[in-house]
Protein backbone atom coordinates (compact mmCIF):
# COMPACT_ATOMS: atom_id res chain seq x y z
CA MET A 1 -78.89 18.17 20.37
CA ASN A 2 -80.33 15.17 18.52
CA GLU A 3 -77.45 13.06 17.16
CA LYS A 4 -78.93 12.90 13.65
CA ILE A 5 -79.31 16.68 13.54
CA GLU A 6 -75.76 17.15 14.85
CA LYS A 7 -74.41 14.95 12.05
CA LYS A 8 -76.26 17.05 9.47
CA TRP A 9 -74.94 20.27 11.00
CA LEU A 10 -71.42 18.89 10.78
CA ALA A 11 -71.98 17.80 7.18
CA ILE A 12 -73.13 21.33 6.29
CA LEU A 13 -70.09 22.86 8.01
CA ARG A 14 -67.77 20.51 6.11
CA ILE A 15 -69.34 21.51 2.79
CA LEU A 16 -69.03 25.21 3.61
CA GLN A 17 -65.43 24.78 4.73
CA LYS A 18 -64.46 23.22 1.39
CA GLU A 19 -66.00 26.05 -0.64
CA SER A 20 -64.08 29.25 -1.35
CA GLY A 21 -67.21 31.43 -1.30
CA PRO A 22 -70.86 31.54 -0.19
CA VAL A 23 -73.06 28.50 -0.84
CA LYS A 24 -76.82 28.64 -1.41
CA SER A 25 -79.19 26.25 0.36
CA SER A 26 -80.06 24.56 -2.95
CA ARG A 27 -76.39 23.77 -3.55
CA LEU A 28 -76.03 22.53 0.03
CA LEU A 29 -79.01 20.23 -0.54
CA GLU A 30 -77.39 18.76 -3.66
CA ASN A 31 -74.19 18.04 -1.74
CA LEU A 32 -76.03 16.51 1.22
CA LEU A 33 -78.07 14.21 -1.04
CA ALA A 34 -74.87 13.18 -2.85
CA MET A 35 -73.45 12.22 0.55
CA GLY A 36 -76.46 9.99 1.19
CA ILE A 37 -78.07 12.36 3.70
CA GLU A 38 -81.84 12.46 3.10
CA VAL A 39 -83.19 15.92 3.87
CA SER A 40 -85.50 18.52 2.28
CA GLU A 41 -84.49 22.04 1.22
CA ARG A 42 -86.92 23.43 3.79
CA THR A 43 -85.16 21.47 6.53
CA VAL A 44 -81.76 22.68 5.30
CA ARG A 45 -82.98 26.30 5.56
CA HIS A 46 -84.21 25.60 9.09
CA TYR A 47 -80.82 24.14 10.06
CA LEU A 48 -79.05 27.16 8.60
CA LEU A 49 -81.15 29.61 10.62
CA ASP A 50 -80.29 27.71 13.79
CA MET A 51 -76.61 27.63 12.82
CA ASP A 52 -76.68 31.38 12.14
CA ARG A 53 -78.03 31.94 15.65
CA GLU A 54 -75.26 29.74 17.09
CA GLY A 55 -72.65 31.79 15.22
CA LEU A 56 -71.46 28.81 13.18
CA THR A 57 -72.54 30.24 9.80
CA ARG A 58 -73.12 33.73 8.39
CA ASN A 59 -76.02 34.66 6.11
CA LEU A 60 -74.93 36.75 3.11
CA GLY A 61 -78.44 37.05 1.70
CA LYS A 62 -79.04 35.80 -1.84
CA ARG A 63 -75.37 34.83 -2.16
CA GLY A 64 -75.77 32.10 0.45
CA ARG A 65 -73.92 31.08 3.62
CA VAL A 66 -70.28 30.96 4.68
CA ILE A 67 -68.71 29.20 7.64
CA THR A 68 -67.48 31.40 10.51
CA ASP A 69 -64.38 31.02 12.65
CA ASP A 70 -66.59 29.54 15.38
CA GLY A 71 -67.90 27.06 12.84
CA ARG A 72 -64.37 26.01 11.94
CA ARG A 73 -63.48 25.58 15.60
CA GLU A 74 -66.61 23.52 16.17
CA LEU A 75 -65.81 21.33 13.18
CA HIS A 76 -62.29 20.78 14.45
CA ALA A 77 -63.20 20.04 18.05
CA VAL A 78 -66.55 18.28 18.05
CA ARG A 79 -67.07 14.52 17.93
CA ALA A 80 -63.42 13.59 18.24
CA PHE A 81 -64.32 9.92 18.10
CA ASP A 82 -65.31 10.42 14.44
CA LYS A 83 -61.61 10.97 13.76
CA VAL A 84 -60.47 7.74 15.43
CA GLY A 85 -58.75 5.63 12.81
CA PHE A 86 -57.84 8.74 10.79
CA MET A 87 -54.12 7.93 11.00
CA ALA A 88 -54.64 4.40 9.67
CA ALA A 89 -56.64 5.75 6.72
CA LYS A 90 -54.06 8.45 5.98
CA ILE A 91 -51.26 5.86 6.07
CA ASP A 92 -53.07 3.80 3.43
CA GLN A 93 -53.77 6.86 1.26
CA LEU A 94 -50.19 8.13 1.24
CA THR A 95 -48.76 4.64 0.78
CA TYR A 96 -50.90 4.25 -2.33
CA ARG A 97 -50.00 7.72 -3.69
CA MET A 98 -46.24 7.39 -3.24
CA SER A 99 -44.34 7.07 -6.54
CA PHE A 100 -40.72 6.49 -5.47
CA ASP A 101 -38.78 4.08 -7.70
CA LEU A 102 -36.01 2.44 -5.68
CA TYR A 103 -33.88 1.58 -8.69
CA ARG A 104 -34.24 4.86 -10.57
CA LYS A 105 -33.92 6.87 -7.34
CA SER A 106 -36.76 9.14 -8.39
CA GLY A 107 -40.35 9.88 -7.48
CA THR A 108 -42.11 11.02 -4.33
CA VAL A 109 -41.55 9.95 -0.73
CA ILE A 110 -43.62 10.76 2.36
CA THR A 111 -42.31 13.54 4.56
CA ASN A 112 -42.96 14.99 8.00
CA VAL A 113 -42.65 18.77 8.31
CA SER A 114 -41.49 20.69 11.38
CA LEU A 115 -41.61 24.49 11.55
CA VAL A 116 -38.77 26.26 13.33
CA GLY A 117 -37.74 29.91 13.55
CA ARG A 118 -35.02 30.87 11.10
CA ASP A 119 -33.01 32.41 13.95
CA LEU A 120 -32.88 29.00 15.72
CA LEU A 121 -31.45 27.02 12.80
CA ASP A 122 -27.82 27.23 13.94
CA GLU A 123 -28.81 25.88 17.34
CA CYS A 124 -30.89 23.08 15.82
CA SER A 125 -28.37 21.79 13.29
CA PRO A 126 -25.90 19.95 15.60
CA LEU A 127 -28.74 18.41 17.62
CA ILE A 128 -30.48 17.06 14.52
CA CYS A 129 -27.20 15.68 13.17
CA ARG A 130 -26.53 14.04 16.54
CA VAL A 131 -29.63 11.84 16.13
CA PHE A 132 -28.71 10.98 12.53
CA GLU A 133 -25.16 10.07 13.51
CA ALA A 134 -26.41 7.80 16.31
CA GLY A 135 -28.48 5.85 13.77
CA TYR A 136 -31.84 6.70 15.34
CA SER A 137 -33.27 8.38 12.26
CA MET A 138 -35.35 7.18 9.35
CA GLY A 139 -32.58 7.13 6.74
CA THR A 140 -29.90 9.77 6.31
CA MET A 141 -31.77 12.33 4.20
CA LEU A 142 -33.86 15.41 4.90
CA ALA A 143 -35.13 18.58 3.22
CA LEU A 144 -35.52 22.28 3.99
CA PHE A 145 -38.47 24.41 2.89
CA SER A 146 -38.42 28.20 2.52
CA PRO A 147 -41.04 30.68 3.79
CA GLY A 148 -44.01 30.68 1.43
CA GLU A 149 -43.42 27.15 0.16
CA ARG A 150 -46.41 24.84 0.37
CA ILE A 151 -46.28 21.13 1.19
CA GLU A 152 -49.81 19.97 0.53
CA GLY A 153 -51.85 21.58 3.35
CA ILE A 154 -48.92 23.34 5.06
CA THR A 155 -47.55 26.75 4.05
CA ILE A 156 -44.23 27.75 5.62
CA PRO A 157 -44.82 31.09 7.46
CA ASP A 158 -42.57 34.13 7.17
CA GLY A 159 -39.58 34.00 9.50
CA MET A 160 -39.69 30.22 9.71
CA VAL A 161 -38.15 27.28 7.89
CA GLY A 162 -39.68 23.87 7.32
CA ILE A 163 -37.51 20.87 8.18
CA GLY A 164 -38.61 17.81 6.25
CA THR A 165 -37.76 14.40 7.70
CA ILE A 166 -38.61 11.15 5.96
CA CYS A 167 -41.71 9.47 7.36
CA SER A 168 -41.32 5.77 8.11
CA ILE A 169 -44.51 5.10 6.11
CA THR A 170 -42.25 5.61 3.08
CA LEU A 171 -41.11 2.04 3.75
CA ASN A 172 -44.70 0.84 3.31
CA GLY A 173 -44.80 2.54 -0.09
CA VAL A 174 -41.55 0.96 -1.26
CA LEU A 175 -42.66 -2.50 -0.14
CA LEU A 176 -46.05 -2.08 -1.83
CA ALA A 177 -44.32 -1.11 -5.08
CA HIS A 178 -42.55 -4.50 -4.88
CA GLY A 179 -45.73 -6.42 -4.21
CA ILE A 180 -45.37 -6.66 -0.42
CA PRO A 181 -48.37 -5.46 1.63
CA THR A 182 -47.55 -3.99 5.03
CA ARG A 183 -49.69 -3.81 8.14
CA SER A 184 -48.88 -0.83 10.37
CA ASN A 185 -49.77 -2.06 13.86
CA PHE A 186 -48.73 0.78 16.15
CA GLY A 187 -46.29 3.55 16.97
CA GLY A 188 -44.51 3.40 20.29
CA LEU A 189 -41.70 4.41 22.59
CA LEU A 190 -38.83 1.97 22.27
CA GLU A 191 -36.49 1.61 25.24
CA LEU A 192 -32.78 1.24 24.47
CA HIS A 193 -30.09 -0.25 26.69
CA GLU A 194 -26.51 0.09 25.48
CA ARG A 195 -27.89 0.98 22.02
CA GLU A 196 -29.89 -2.25 21.80
CA PRO A 197 -33.71 -2.20 21.66
CA THR A 198 -35.14 -3.95 24.71
CA ARG A 199 -38.91 -3.35 24.82
CA PHE A 200 -41.76 -1.03 23.94
CA VAL A 201 -42.74 0.95 27.03
CA GLU A 202 -45.68 2.78 25.40
CA ILE A 203 -47.75 1.98 22.31
CA ILE A 204 -50.63 3.65 20.46
CA THR A 205 -52.38 1.79 17.65
CA TYR A 206 -52.94 3.69 14.41
CA GLU A 207 -56.54 2.44 14.29
CA GLY A 208 -57.24 4.06 17.66
CA THR A 209 -55.87 7.56 17.15
CA SER A 210 -56.41 10.70 15.12
CA LEU A 211 -52.83 11.90 15.77
CA ASP A 212 -49.45 10.41 15.00
CA PRO A 213 -48.26 8.48 18.10
CA LEU A 214 -44.77 9.98 18.00
CA GLU A 215 -46.24 13.51 17.91
CA ILE A 216 -48.09 12.63 21.11
CA PHE A 217 -44.98 11.22 22.83
CA ILE A 218 -42.88 14.24 21.84
CA ARG A 219 -45.44 16.78 23.10
CA SER A 220 -45.80 14.82 26.33
CA GLY A 221 -42.04 14.93 27.02
CA MET A 222 -41.82 11.14 27.14
CA THR A 223 -38.84 10.69 24.79
CA ASP A 224 -35.17 10.55 25.76
CA TYR A 225 -33.00 11.17 22.71
CA VAL A 226 -30.45 13.06 24.78
CA GLY A 227 -29.73 9.89 26.72
CA ALA A 228 -30.01 7.62 23.69
CA THR A 229 -27.47 9.62 21.70
CA ALA A 230 -25.08 10.21 24.63
CA THR A 231 -25.00 6.82 26.37
CA GLY A 232 -27.09 4.46 24.25
CA ASN A 233 -29.71 4.34 27.00
CA GLY A 234 -32.97 6.17 26.34
CA ARG A 235 -36.35 6.10 24.65
CA ILE A 236 -36.91 6.72 20.94
CA GLY A 237 -39.90 6.63 18.61
CA ALA A 238 -40.44 3.47 16.59
CA GLY A 239 -43.20 1.68 14.73
CA PHE A 240 -44.24 -1.95 14.53
CA ARG A 241 -45.06 -3.49 11.15
CA GLU A 242 -46.09 -6.92 9.90
CA VAL A 243 -45.37 -8.34 6.44
CA PRO A 244 -46.20 -11.74 4.90
CA ALA A 245 -43.87 -14.46 6.18
CA ASP A 246 -42.93 -15.54 2.65
CA SER A 247 -41.67 -12.03 1.88
CA ARG A 248 -39.02 -11.96 4.64
CA ASP A 249 -35.99 -12.56 2.38
CA HIS A 250 -37.28 -10.04 -0.16
CA VAL A 251 -37.82 -7.44 2.58
CA ILE A 252 -34.25 -7.92 3.83
CA GLU A 253 -32.95 -7.52 0.27
CA LEU A 254 -34.93 -4.30 -0.14
CA THR A 255 -33.68 -3.08 3.24
CA HIS A 256 -30.09 -3.12 1.96
CA LYS A 257 -31.09 -1.23 -1.19
CA LEU A 258 -32.98 1.34 0.88
CA GLN A 259 -29.89 1.94 3.00
CA ASP A 260 -27.90 2.57 -0.19
CA VAL A 261 -30.24 5.43 -1.18
CA GLY A 262 -30.42 6.96 2.31
CA LEU A 263 -33.87 5.61 3.20
CA GLY A 264 -32.97 2.77 5.54
CA GLY A 265 -35.32 2.55 8.48
CA PHE A 266 -35.69 -1.07 9.56
CA LEU A 267 -34.23 -1.59 13.02
CA THR A 268 -35.10 -5.26 13.48
CA ILE A 269 -36.85 -7.90 11.36
CA GLY A 270 -38.22 -10.95 13.16
CA TRP A 271 -39.13 -14.49 12.15
CA PRO A 272 -42.43 -15.96 10.91
CA GLY A 273 -45.04 -16.13 13.65
CA GLN A 274 -42.49 -15.34 16.36
CA PRO A 275 -42.93 -12.51 18.90
CA LEU A 276 -40.60 -9.56 18.46
CA LEU A 277 -39.57 -7.74 21.65
CA GLU A 278 -42.46 -9.55 23.37
CA ILE A 279 -44.98 -8.21 20.82
CA PRO A 280 -47.11 -11.06 19.41
CA VAL A 281 -47.01 -11.53 15.64
CA SER A 282 -49.88 -12.94 13.59
CA GLU A 283 -49.58 -16.43 12.14
CA GLY A 284 -48.13 -16.30 8.63
CA ARG A 285 -46.52 -12.93 9.21
CA VAL A 286 -43.18 -11.45 10.22
CA GLY A 287 -42.81 -8.58 12.66
CA ALA A 288 -40.52 -5.63 11.98
CA ILE A 289 -39.50 -2.57 13.98
CA VAL A 290 -38.98 0.66 12.03
CA ILE A 291 -37.41 3.89 13.23
CA GLY A 292 -39.68 6.90 13.78
CA GLY A 293 -39.42 9.64 11.18
CA LEU A 294 -39.71 12.52 13.67
CA ASN A 295 -36.82 11.27 15.82
CA PRO A 296 -34.27 13.90 14.65
CA ILE A 297 -36.77 16.62 15.60
CA ALA A 298 -37.78 15.25 19.00
CA ILE A 299 -34.40 16.05 20.55
CA LEU A 300 -35.05 19.75 19.85
CA GLU A 301 -38.14 19.66 22.08
CA GLU A 302 -36.09 17.97 24.81
CA LYS A 303 -33.63 20.86 24.63
CA GLY A 304 -36.41 23.42 25.03
CA ILE A 305 -36.65 24.48 21.38
CA ARG A 306 -40.34 24.92 20.65
CA LEU A 307 -41.56 23.95 17.21
CA GLN A 308 -44.61 22.68 15.36
CA SER A 309 -44.41 19.26 13.76
CA ARG A 310 -46.79 17.47 11.43
CA ALA A 311 -46.26 13.79 10.71
CA LEU A 312 -47.33 12.45 7.30
CA ALA A 313 -47.46 16.03 6.05
CA GLY A 314 -47.33 15.11 2.37
CA MET A 315 -45.13 14.18 -0.55
CA VAL A 316 -41.75 15.50 -1.61
CA GLU A 317 -39.62 14.57 -4.60
CA TYR A 318 -36.65 12.38 -3.71
CA GLU A 319 -34.39 14.72 -5.68
CA ARG A 320 -35.25 17.45 -3.17
CA LEU A 321 -33.56 15.53 -0.31
CA PHE A 322 -29.95 15.94 0.81
CA HIS A 323 -27.63 14.09 3.20
CA TYR A 324 -27.74 15.27 6.80
CA LYS A 325 -24.01 16.11 6.72
CA GLU A 326 -24.88 18.97 4.34
CA LEU A 327 -27.34 20.47 6.85
CA GLY A 328 -24.93 23.04 8.31
CA GLU A 329 -24.05 24.42 4.89
CA ARG A 330 -27.68 24.48 3.75
CA ILE A 331 -28.72 26.28 6.92
CA ARG A 332 -26.13 28.99 6.34
CA VAL A 333 -27.78 29.66 2.98
CA PHE A 334 -31.23 29.86 4.59
CA ALA A 335 -30.01 32.04 7.46
CA GLY A 336 -28.53 34.50 5.02
CA GLY A 337 -31.68 34.54 2.86
């Protein structure tokens, strides 16, 4: 298929996917022109006939067209390279939207959401707490979401519970609120020896991926939280950030305050222009290593507990969070619900 035509097909599918009902060709034309895509209504009708034949759209007569399940699958799967850099863009969007006030201890923070069967909660609780207790988690707080609750684009299914862990991008939002811009370089697997970070053994840049790096490492079975929590030797998820060199003292000050409210996540902060764990740092900047937000969940996968996780799932009010030591009690309430 001609690349220009393919792009227009995809644009039409995206428009149909956003609509709750049928869309007429005239309305599609308006949307396409608003997107800067020059095309005539006659051409749009021609595209739609071809897309009907391919099973991507369904013609409902005068009411217009709707997208089919095949159309949704095509939209999700095709042209994966168009999604490269998606994570970097999402990081910037959520950082900007976050409203948490460090001094008032109120507002929204960024959360990851993992779906687990309600009947597995008792098995999950001690494993999750084990990662928190070892200090390999982003802060000390988490949240639970009931069936039917919606966290932005995720609805918790019946028979399942959502476990919300704090995303490390929350740190970006706090720093931005205090006038400190943060560059998120990459997510990686950090090797530990006797509880000390030694080197990154795998890295994925946010600009080069459409998925969260830690999600990829977890699904690939590359983590070792069992070893990290038992002996101090293992591999955990971590991110690499850069901040302006002049902000170093301010960042350290904020780090202490973040720890006080259960949102501490900085593992190591370097020095201006100096490499950190052999990772080069830009001139005029300071490198920092932050703990991965999905770390408490990754150990469940290692133990054979299957679950679905979504990093950067959305926003949650800080007041909704509780300390991990309350998890057992909270789970008993959910299990009995």
